[in-house]
C-alpha cells in the first residue's frame, strides 16, 4: 500500500530540487520511494486507517499526517513498512 501511495502522490518539483540539492542523483530519486505530503493531504478511501501516517479527519476524509517529503522505510525483506 505504501508503494501505491508513493506512486499516486509523487514528488513535487520543489521537493525534487531539495533532494537534488542534497546531492542525490536523479536516478537515486527516481528509484526511491520519496513522495510529497501536503498539509491536510487527502487520500482515497482504499487506503486503510491502520496504514502508518493515515488518519480520519473530523469530516470523515482520510488524510496523511504531516507535511513535506516522505522517506519510506524499507525492511530487510524489501517491504515498505512506513515513513
Protein backbone atom coordinates (compact mmCIF):
# COMPACT_ATOMS: atom_id res chain seq x y z
CA UNK A 1 0.00 0.00 0.00
CA UNK A 2 2.84 2.42 0.78
CA UNK A 3 4.37 1.85 -2.66
CA UNK A 4 0.99 2.59 -4.22
CA UNK A 5 0.64 5.76 -2.16
CA UNK A 6 4.14 6.84 -3.20
CA UNK A 7 3.30 6.37 -6.90
CA UNK A 8 -0.07 8.09 -6.54
CA UNK A 9 1.22 11.21 -4.77
CA UNK A 10 4.61 11.52 -6.44
CA UNK A 11 7.17 14.18 -5.66
CA UNK A 12 6.71 17.90 -6.22
CA UNK A 13 9.26 19.84 -8.28
CA UNK A 14 10.21 21.76 -5.12
CA UNK A 15 10.86 18.57 -3.15
CA UNK A 16 12.79 17.00 -6.05
CA UNK A 17 15.05 20.07 -6.08
CA UNK A 18 15.62 19.79 -2.33
CA UNK A 19 16.76 16.18 -2.78
CA UNK A 20 18.98 17.17 -5.73
CA UNK A 21 20.49 19.96 -3.63
CA UNK A 22 21.36 17.27 -1.07
CA UNK A 23 23.39 15.61 -3.83
CA UNK A 24 21.04 12.75 -4.65
CA UNK A 25 21.30 11.83 -8.31
CA UNK A 26 18.16 11.89 -10.45
CA UNK A 27 18.32 8.10 -10.72
CA UNK A 28 18.51 7.72 -6.92
CA UNK A 29 15.47 9.97 -6.51
CA UNK A 30 13.52 8.08 -9.17
CA UNK A 31 14.42 4.66 -7.75
CA UNK A 32 13.50 5.63 -4.19
CA UNK A 33 10.03 5.85 -2.73
CA UNK A 34 10.11 9.54 -1.83
CA UNK A 35 6.79 11.32 -2.08
CA UNK A 36 5.37 14.70 -1.16
CA UNK A 37 2.75 15.23 1.50
CA UNK A 38 0.78 18.47 1.55
CA UNK A 39 -0.83 19.91 4.66
CA UNK A 40 -4.08 18.00 5.28
CA UNK A 41 -3.32 15.81 2.23
CA UNK A 42 -6.46 13.86 1.35
CA UNK A 43 -6.11 10.31 0.08
CA UNK A 44 -8.51 7.71 -1.27
CA UNK A 45 -10.81 5.57 0.83
CA UNK A 46 -8.97 2.45 -0.39
CA UNK A 47 -6.09 3.25 1.96
CA UNK A 48 -6.71 1.62 5.36
CA UNK A 49 -6.73 3.64 8.55
CA UNK A 50 -4.10 1.32 10.03
CA UNK A 51 -1.59 2.30 7.34
CA UNK A 52 1.17 4.34 9.02
CA UNK A 53 0.51 8.08 8.83
CA UNK A 54 -3.15 7.75 7.78
CA UNK A 55 -5.94 9.14 9.90
CA UNK A 56 -9.57 10.10 9.52
CA UNK A 57 -10.40 13.80 9.76
CA UNK A 58 -13.39 15.06 11.74
CA UNK A 59 -15.19 15.41 8.38
CA UNK A 60 -14.56 11.73 7.63
CA UNK A 61 -11.84 12.22 4.98
CA UNK A 62 -8.76 10.04 5.01
CA UNK A 63 -5.69 12.18 5.28
CA UNK A 64 -1.97 11.91 5.83
CA UNK A 65 -0.35 13.15 8.99
CA UNK A 66 2.46 15.57 8.28
CA UNK A 67 3.78 17.87 5.59
CA UNK A 68 6.93 17.61 3.50
CA UNK A 69 8.96 14.83 1.94
CA UNK A 70 8.04 11.31 2.98
CA UNK A 71 11.03 8.97 3.10
CA UNK A 72 9.81 5.40 3.03
CA UNK A 73 11.34 2.86 5.41
CA UNK A 74 12.26 -0.47 3.78
CA UNK A 75 12.87 -3.57 5.92
CA UNK A 76 15.41 -6.34 5.31
CA UNK A 77 12.90 -8.21 3.13
CA UNK A 78 12.39 -5.18 0.88
CA UNK A 79 8.94 -4.38 2.26
CA UNK A 80 7.86 -0.76 2.64
CA UNK A 81 6.90 -0.59 6.31
CA UNK A 82 6.29 3.11 6.94
CA UNK A 83 7.73 6.57 6.53
